[in-house]
């Protein structure tokens, strides 16, 4: 996968950790990035889920994604 993908994924991670924006906005960004991966590398969506989705889920479970309105 590409550097651009890593940068966008890192930006989402930063938004989860440090922003006060609503989680729905972050979820939209995650879905947009997942769609991009599905378009560019259809056979690698599982890898995106294994790496990035799992990371973001762990952050939410660990409480890093604070309750937001």
PDB file of N, CA and C in Angstrom:
ATOM      1  N   UNK A   1       0.842  -1.167   0.000  1.00  0.00           N
ATOM      2  CA  UNK A   1       0.000   0.000   0.000  1.00  0.00           C
ATOM      3  C   UNK A   1       0.893   1.237   0.000  1.00  0.00           C
ATOM      4  N   UNK A   2       0.298   2.364  -0.080  1.00  0.00           N
ATOM      5  CA  UNK A   2       1.078   3.565  -0.346  1.00  0.00           C
ATOM      6  C   UNK A   2       1.287   4.448   0.875  1.00  0.00           C
ATOM      7  N   UNK A   3       2.201   5.375   0.681  1.00  0.00           N
ATOM      8  CA  UNK A   3       2.479   6.380   1.715  1.00  0.00           C
ATOM      9  C   UNK A   3       1.243   7.233   1.968  1.00  0.00           C
ATOM     10  N   UNK A   4       0.505   7.550   0.895  1.00  0.00           N
ATOM     11  CA  UNK A   4      -0.698   8.363   1.043  1.00  0.00           C
ATOM     12  C   UNK A   4      -1.707   7.661   1.942  1.00  0.00           C
ATOM     13  N   UNK A   5      -1.854   6.363   1.777  1.00  0.00           N
ATOM     14  CA  UNK A   5      -2.772   5.600   2.620  1.00  0.00           C
ATOM     15  C   UNK A   5      -2.333   5.666   4.081  1.00  0.00           C
ATOM     16  N   UNK A   6      -1.053   5.486   4.325  1.00  0.00           N
ATOM     17  CA  UNK A   6      -0.545   5.565   5.708  1.00  0.00           C
ATOM     18  C   UNK A   6      -0.777   6.940   6.303  1.00  0.00           C
ATOM     19  N   UNK A   7      -0.569   7.977   5.519  1.00  0.00           N
ATOM     20  CA  UNK A   7      -0.786   9.335   6.023  1.00  0.00           C
ATOM     21  C   UNK A   7      -2.241   9.567   6.385  1.00  0.00           C
ATOM     22  N   UNK A   8      -3.147   9.124   5.519  1.00  0.00           N
ATOM     23  CA  UNK A   8      -4.571   9.294   5.807  1.00  0.00           C
ATOM     24  C   UNK A   8      -4.978   8.476   7.029  1.00  0.00           C
ATOM     25  N   UNK A   9      -4.446   7.275   7.146  1.00  0.00           N
ATOM     26  CA  UNK A   9      -4.754   6.436   8.314  1.00  0.00           C
ATOM     27  C   UNK A   9      -4.191   7.067   9.586  1.00  0.00           C
ATOM     28  N   UNK A  10      -2.982   7.594   9.511  1.00  0.00           N
ATOM     29  CA  UNK A  10      -2.392   8.266  10.677  1.00  0.00           C
ATOM     30  C   UNK A  10      -3.199   9.499  11.072  1.00  0.00           C
ATOM     31  N   UNK A  11      -3.729  10.202  10.075  1.00  0.00           N
ATOM     32  CA  UNK A  11      -4.555  11.375  10.365  1.00  0.00           C
ATOM     33  C   UNK A  11      -5.825  10.962  11.107  1.00  0.00           C
ATOM     34  N   UNK A  12      -6.410   9.833  10.714  1.00  0.00           N
ATOM     35  CA  UNK A  12      -7.595   9.342  11.414  1.00  0.00           C
ATOM     36  C   UNK A  12      -7.233   8.959  12.845  1.00  0.00           C
ATOM     37  N   UNK A  13      -6.100   8.304  13.017  1.00  0.00           N
ATOM     38  CA  UNK A  13      -5.654   7.943  14.370  1.00  0.00           C
ATOM     39  C   UNK A  13      -5.491   9.190  15.224  1.00  0.00           C
ATOM     40  N   UNK A  14      -4.891  10.221  14.677  1.00  0.00           N
ATOM     41  CA  UNK A  14      -4.721  11.483  15.412  1.00  0.00           C
ATOM     42  C   UNK A  14      -6.061  12.102  15.773  1.00  0.00           C
ATOM     43  N   UNK A  15      -7.013  12.015  14.854  1.00  0.00           N
ATOM     44  CA  UNK A  15      -8.342  12.555  15.138  1.00  0.00           C
ATOM     45  C   UNK A  15      -8.998  11.806  16.293  1.00  0.00           C
ATOM     46  N   UNK A  16      -8.817  10.484  16.337  1.00  0.00           N
ATOM     47  CA  UNK A  16      -9.379   9.696  17.440  1.00  0.00           C
ATOM     48  C   UNK A  16      -8.724  10.101  18.753  1.00  0.00           C
ATOM     49  N   UNK A  17      -7.410  10.257  18.729  1.00  0.00           N
ATOM     50  CA  UNK A  17      -6.668  10.527  19.957  1.00  0.00           C
ATOM     51  C   UNK A  17      -6.795  11.963  20.451  1.00  0.00           C
ATOM     52  N   UNK A  18      -6.776  12.925  19.552  1.00  0.00           N
ATOM     53  CA  UNK A  18      -6.572  14.311  19.974  1.00  0.00           C
ATOM     54  C   UNK A  18      -7.681  15.305  19.643  1.00  0.00           C
ATOM     55  N   UNK A  19      -8.633  14.932  18.808  1.00  0.00           N
ATOM     56  CA  UNK A  19      -9.639  15.930  18.439  1.00  0.00           C
ATOM     57  C   UNK A  19     -10.882  15.796  19.309  1.00  0.00           C
ATOM     58  N   UNK A  20     -11.691  16.809  19.257  1.00  0.00           N
ATOM     59  CA  UNK A  20     -12.961  16.802  19.974  1.00  0.00           C
ATOM     60  C   UNK A  20     -14.134  16.656  19.012  1.00  0.00           C
ATOM     61  N   UNK A  21     -13.843  16.338  17.769  1.00  0.00           N
ATOM     62  CA  UNK A  21     -14.930  16.235  16.792  1.00  0.00           C
ATOM     63  C   UNK A  21     -15.770  14.986  17.050  1.00  0.00           C
ATOM     64  N   UNK A  22     -17.014  15.019  16.630  1.00  0.00           N
ATOM     65  CA  UNK A  22     -17.902  13.878  16.864  1.00  0.00           C
ATOM     66  C   UNK A  22     -17.368  12.600  16.202  1.00  0.00           C
ATOM     67  N   UNK A  23     -17.565  11.473  16.873  1.00  0.00           N
ATOM     68  CA  UNK A  23     -17.102  10.191  16.336  1.00  0.00           C
ATOM     69  C   UNK A  23     -17.742   9.876  14.994  1.00  0.00           C
ATOM     70  N   UNK A  24     -18.944  10.366  14.746  1.00  0.00           N
ATOM     71  CA  UNK A  24     -19.592  10.093  13.461  1.00  0.00           C
ATOM     72  C   UNK A  24     -18.756  10.642  12.317  1.00  0.00           C
ATOM     73  N   UNK A  25     -18.135  11.803  12.520  1.00  0.00           N
ATOM     74  CA  UNK A  25     -17.279  12.380  11.482  1.00  0.00           C
ATOM     75  C   UNK A  25     -16.044  11.524  11.253  1.00  0.00           C
ATOM     76  N   UNK A  26     -15.510  10.984  12.315  1.00  0.00           N
ATOM     77  CA  UNK A  26     -14.346  10.104  12.196  1.00  0.00           C
ATOM     78  C   UNK A  26     -14.743   8.801  11.516  1.00  0.00           C
ATOM     79  N   UNK A  27     -15.910   8.271  11.850  1.00  0.00           N
ATOM     80  CA  UNK A  27     -16.399   7.048  11.209  1.00  0.00           C
ATOM     81  C   UNK A  27     -16.590   7.262   9.709  1.00  0.00           C
ATOM     82  N   UNK A  28     -17.065   8.425   9.331  1.00  0.00           N
ATOM     83  CA  UNK A  28     -17.221   8.743   7.908  1.00  0.00           C
ATOM     84  C   UNK A  28     -15.860   8.732   7.218  1.00  0.00           C
ATOM     85  N   UNK A  29     -14.858   9.318   7.858  1.00  0.00           N
ATOM     86  CA  UNK A  29     -13.504   9.324   7.287  1.00  0.00           C
ATOM     87  C   UNK A  29     -12.963   7.902   7.156  1.00  0.00           C
ATOM     88  N   UNK A  30     -13.227   7.067   8.137  1.00  0.00           N
ATOM     89  CA  UNK A  30     -12.784   5.671   8.079  1.00  0.00           C
ATOM     90  C   UNK A  30     -13.456   4.959   6.911  1.00  0.00           C
ATOM     91  N   UNK A  31     -14.761   5.156   6.756  1.00  0.00           N
ATOM     92  CA  UNK A  31     -15.475   4.517   5.653  1.00  0.00           C
ATOM     93  C   UNK A  31     -14.985   5.004   4.300  1.00  0.00           C
ATOM     94  N   UNK A  32     -14.681   6.279   4.193  1.00  0.00           N
ATOM     95  CA  UNK A  32     -14.153   6.814   2.934  1.00  0.00           C
ATOM     96  C   UNK A  32     -12.796   6.196   2.611  1.00  0.00           C
ATOM     97  N   UNK A  33     -11.958   6.047   3.621  1.00  0.00           N
ATOM     98  CA  UNK A  33     -10.647   5.447   3.383  1.00  0.00           C
ATOM     99  C   UNK A  33     -10.783   3.970   3.020  1.00  0.00           C
ATOM    100  N   UNK A  34     -11.695   3.286   3.668  1.00  0.00           N
ATOM    101  CA  UNK A  34     -11.934   1.873   3.341  1.00  0.00           C
ATOM    102  C   UNK A  34     -12.420   1.738   1.900  1.00  0.00           C
ATOM    103  N   UNK A  35     -13.308   2.613   1.459  1.00  0.00           N
ATOM    104  CA  UNK A  35     -13.784   2.603   0.072  1.00  0.00           C
ATOM    105  C   UNK A  35     -12.635   2.849  -0.902  1.00  0.00           C
ATOM    106  N   UNK A  36     -11.742   3.762  -0.543  1.00  0.00           N
ATOM    107  CA  UNK A  36     -10.568   4.025  -1.375  1.00  0.00           C
ATOM    108  C   UNK A  36      -9.716   2.764  -1.528  1.00  0.00           C
ATOM    109  N   UNK A  37      -9.498   2.069  -0.417  1.00  0.00           N
ATOM    110  CA  UNK A  37      -8.714   0.831  -0.455  1.00  0.00           C
ATOM    111  C   UNK A  37      -9.427  -0.203  -1.325  1.00  0.00           C
ATOM    112  N   UNK A  38     -10.733  -0.302  -1.186  1.00  0.00           N
ATOM    113  CA  UNK A  38     -11.501  -1.266  -1.976  1.00  0.00           C
ATOM    114  C   UNK A  38     -11.408  -0.968  -3.470  1.00  0.00           C
ATOM    115  N   UNK A  39     -11.334   0.303  -3.829  1.00  0.00           N
ATOM    116  CA  UNK A  39     -11.204   0.685  -5.239  1.00  0.00           C
ATOM    117  C   UNK A  39      -9.793   0.424  -5.760  1.00  0.00           C
ATOM    118  N   UNK A  40      -8.793   0.777  -4.972  1.00  0.00           N
ATOM    119  CA  UNK A  40      -7.398   0.677  -5.420  1.00  0.00           C
ATOM    120  C   UNK A  40      -6.834  -0.739  -5.320  1.00  0.00           C
ATOM    121  N   UNK A  41      -7.161  -1.431  -4.242  1.00  0.00           N
ATOM    122  CA  UNK A  41      -6.610  -2.765  -3.970  1.00  0.00           C
ATOM    123  C   UNK A  41      -7.721  -3.679  -3.458  1.00  0.00           C
ATOM    124  N   UNK A  42      -8.639  -4.085  -4.306  1.00  0.00           N
ATOM    125  CA  UNK A  42      -9.789  -4.871  -3.843  1.00  0.00           C
ATOM    126  C   UNK A  42      -9.398  -6.141  -3.078  1.00  0.00           C
ATOM    127  N   UNK A  43      -8.308  -6.744  -3.450  1.00  0.00           N
ATOM    128  CA  UNK A  43      -7.910  -7.988  -2.777  1.00  0.00           C
ATOM    129  C   UNK A  43      -7.224  -7.729  -1.440  1.00  0.00           C
ATOM    130  N   UNK A  44      -7.004  -6.469  -1.096  1.00  0.00           N
ATOM    131  CA  UNK A  44      -6.296  -6.122   0.142  1.00  0.00           C
ATOM    132  C   UNK A  44      -7.172  -5.479   1.206  1.00  0.00           C
ATOM    133  N   UNK A  45      -8.475  -5.474   0.990  1.00  0.00           N
ATOM    134  CA  UNK A  45      -9.368  -4.884   1.989  1.00  0.00           C
ATOM    135  C   UNK A  45      -9.215  -5.610   3.319  1.00  0.00           C
ATOM    136  N   UNK A  46      -9.019  -6.912   3.269  1.00  0.00           N
ATOM    137  CA  UNK A  46      -8.826  -7.692   4.504  1.00  0.00           C
ATOM    138  C   UNK A  46      -7.610  -7.188   5.281  1.00  0.00           C
ATOM    139  N   UNK A  47      -6.560  -6.779   4.559  1.00  0.00           N
ATOM    140  CA  UNK A  47      -5.358  -6.271   5.208  1.00  0.00           C
ATOM    141  C   UNK A  47      -5.635  -4.921   5.873  1.00  0.00           C
ATOM    142  N   UNK A  48      -6.378  -4.074   5.188  1.00  0.00           N
ATOM    143  CA  UNK A  48      -6.784  -2.791   5.768  1.00  0.00           C
ATOM    144  C   UNK A  48      -7.548  -3.029   7.075  1.00  0.00           C
ATOM    145  N   UNK A  49      -8.502  -3.973   7.022  1.00  0.00           N
ATOM    146  CA  UNK A  49      -9.284  -4.281   8.219  1.00  0.00           C
ATOM    147  C   UNK A  49      -8.391  -4.818   9.332  1.00  0.00           C
ATOM    148  N   UNK A  50      -7.472  -5.692   8.975  1.00  0.00           N
ATOM    149  CA  UNK A  50      -6.607  -6.319   9.983  1.00  0.00           C
ATOM    150  C   UNK A  50      -5.681  -5.310  10.649  1.00  0.00           C
ATOM    151  N   UNK A  51      -5.202  -4.362   9.881  1.00  0.00           N
ATOM    152  CA  UNK A  51      -4.236  -3.393  10.424  1.00  0.00           C
ATOM    153  C   UNK A  51      -4.944  -2.174  11.014  1.00  0.00           C
ATOM    154  N   UNK A  52      -5.653  -1.454  10.173  1.00  0.00           N
ATOM    155  CA  UNK A  52      -6.186  -0.160  10.585  1.00  0.00           C
ATOM    156  C   UNK A  52      -7.479  -0.268  11.381  1.00  0.00           C
ATOM    157  N   UNK A  53      -8.432  -1.034  10.880  1.00  0.00           N
ATOM    158  CA  UNK A  53      -9.692  -1.169  11.615  1.00  0.00           C
ATOM    159  C   UNK A  53      -9.439  -1.735  13.006  1.00  0.00           C
ATOM    160  N   UNK A  54      -8.545  -2.726  13.086  1.00  0.00           N
ATOM    161  CA  UNK A  54      -8.222  -3.312  14.395  1.00  0.00           C
ATOM    162  C   UNK A  54      -7.583  -2.271  15.316  1.00  0.00           C
ATOM    163  N   UNK A  55      -6.694  -1.448  14.774  1.00  0.00           N
ATOM    164  CA  UNK A  55      -6.044  -0.398  15.572  1.00  0.00           C
ATOM    165  C   UNK A  55      -7.070   0.581  16.112  1.00  0.00           C
ATOM    166  N   UNK A  56      -7.958   1.041  15.235  1.00  0.00           N
ATOM    167  CA  UNK A  56      -8.947   2.032  15.657  1.00  0.00           C
ATOM    168  C   UNK A  56      -9.931   1.433  16.648  1.00  0.00           C
ATOM    169  N   UNK A  57     -10.278   0.175  16.470  1.00  0.00           N
ATOM    170  CA  UNK A  57     -11.169  -0.489  17.419  1.00  0.00           C
ATOM    171  C   UNK A  57     -10.503  -0.574  18.796  1.00  0.00           C
ATOM    172  N   UNK A  58      -9.227  -0.921  18.837  1.00  0.00           N
ATOM    173  CA  UNK A  58      -8.503  -0.978  20.112  1.00  0.00           C
ATOM    174  C   UNK A  58      -8.490   0.383  20.797  1.00  0.00           C
ATOM    175  N   UNK A  59      -8.263   1.431  20.031  1.00  0.00           N
ATOM    176  CA  UNK A  59      -8.260   2.775  20.613  1.00  0.00           C
ATOM    177  C   UNK A  59      -9.613   3.101  21.233  1.00  0.00           C
ATOM    178  N   UNK A  60     -10.679   2.733  20.532  1.00  0.00           N
ATOM    179  CA  UNK A  60     -12.019   2.982  21.079  1.00  0.00           C
ATOM    180  C   UNK A  60     -12.236   2.163  22.350  1.00  0.00           C
ATOM    181  N   UNK A  61     -11.855   0.890  22.319  1.00  0.00           N
ATOM    182  CA  UNK A  61     -12.034   0.020  23.492  1.00  0.00           C
ATOM    183  C   UNK A  61     -11.211   0.487  24.689  1.00  0.00           C
ATOM    184  N   UNK A  62     -10.048   1.064  24.437  1.00  0.00           N
ATOM    185  CA  UNK A  62      -9.178   1.525  25.510  1.00  0.00           C
ATOM    186  C   UNK A  62      -9.603   2.893  26.040  1.00  0.00           C
ATOM    187  N   UNK A  63     -10.635   3.462  25.446  1.00  0.00           N
ATOM    188  CA  UNK A  63     -11.157   4.729  25.935  1.00  0.00           C
ATOM    189  C   UNK A  63     -10.520   5.956  25.331  1.00  0.00           C
ATOM    190  N   UNK A  64      -9.711   5.787  24.303  1.00  0.00           N
ATOM    191  CA  UNK A  64      -9.087   6.940  23.688  1.00  0.00           C
ATOM    192  C   UNK A  64     -10.092   7.775  22.920  1.00  0.00           C
ATOM    193  N   UNK A  65     -11.126   7.146  22.410  1.00  0.00           N
ATOM    194  CA  UNK A  65     -12.176   7.885  21.711  1.00  0.00           C
ATOM    195  C   UNK A  65     -13.209   8.293  22.760  1.00  0.00           C
ATOM    196  N   UNK A  66     -13.009   9.449  23.318  1.00  0.00           N
ATOM    197  CA  UNK A  66     -13.895   9.931  24.371  1.00  0.00           C
ATOM    198  C   UNK A  66     -15.327  10.083  23.844  1.00  0.00           C
ATOM    199  N   UNK A  67     -16.251  10.039  24.765  1.00  0.00           N
ATOM    200  CA  UNK A  67     -17.653  10.262  24.385  1.00  0.00           C
ATOM    201  C   UNK A  67     -17.764  11.671  23.825  1.00  0.00           C
ATOM    202  N   UNK A  68     -18.298  11.754  22.652  1.00  0.00           N
ATOM    203  CA  UNK A  68     -18.429  13.049  21.978  1.00  0.00           C
ATOM    204  C   UNK A  68     -19.857  13.196  21.493  1.00  0.00           C
ATOM    205  N   UNK A  69     -20.281  14.421  21.367  1.00  0.00           N
ATOM    206  CA  UNK A  69     -21.644  14.656  20.895  1.00  0.00           C
ATOM    207  C   UNK A  69     -21.700  14.697  19.396  1.00  0.00           C
TER     208      UNK A  69
END
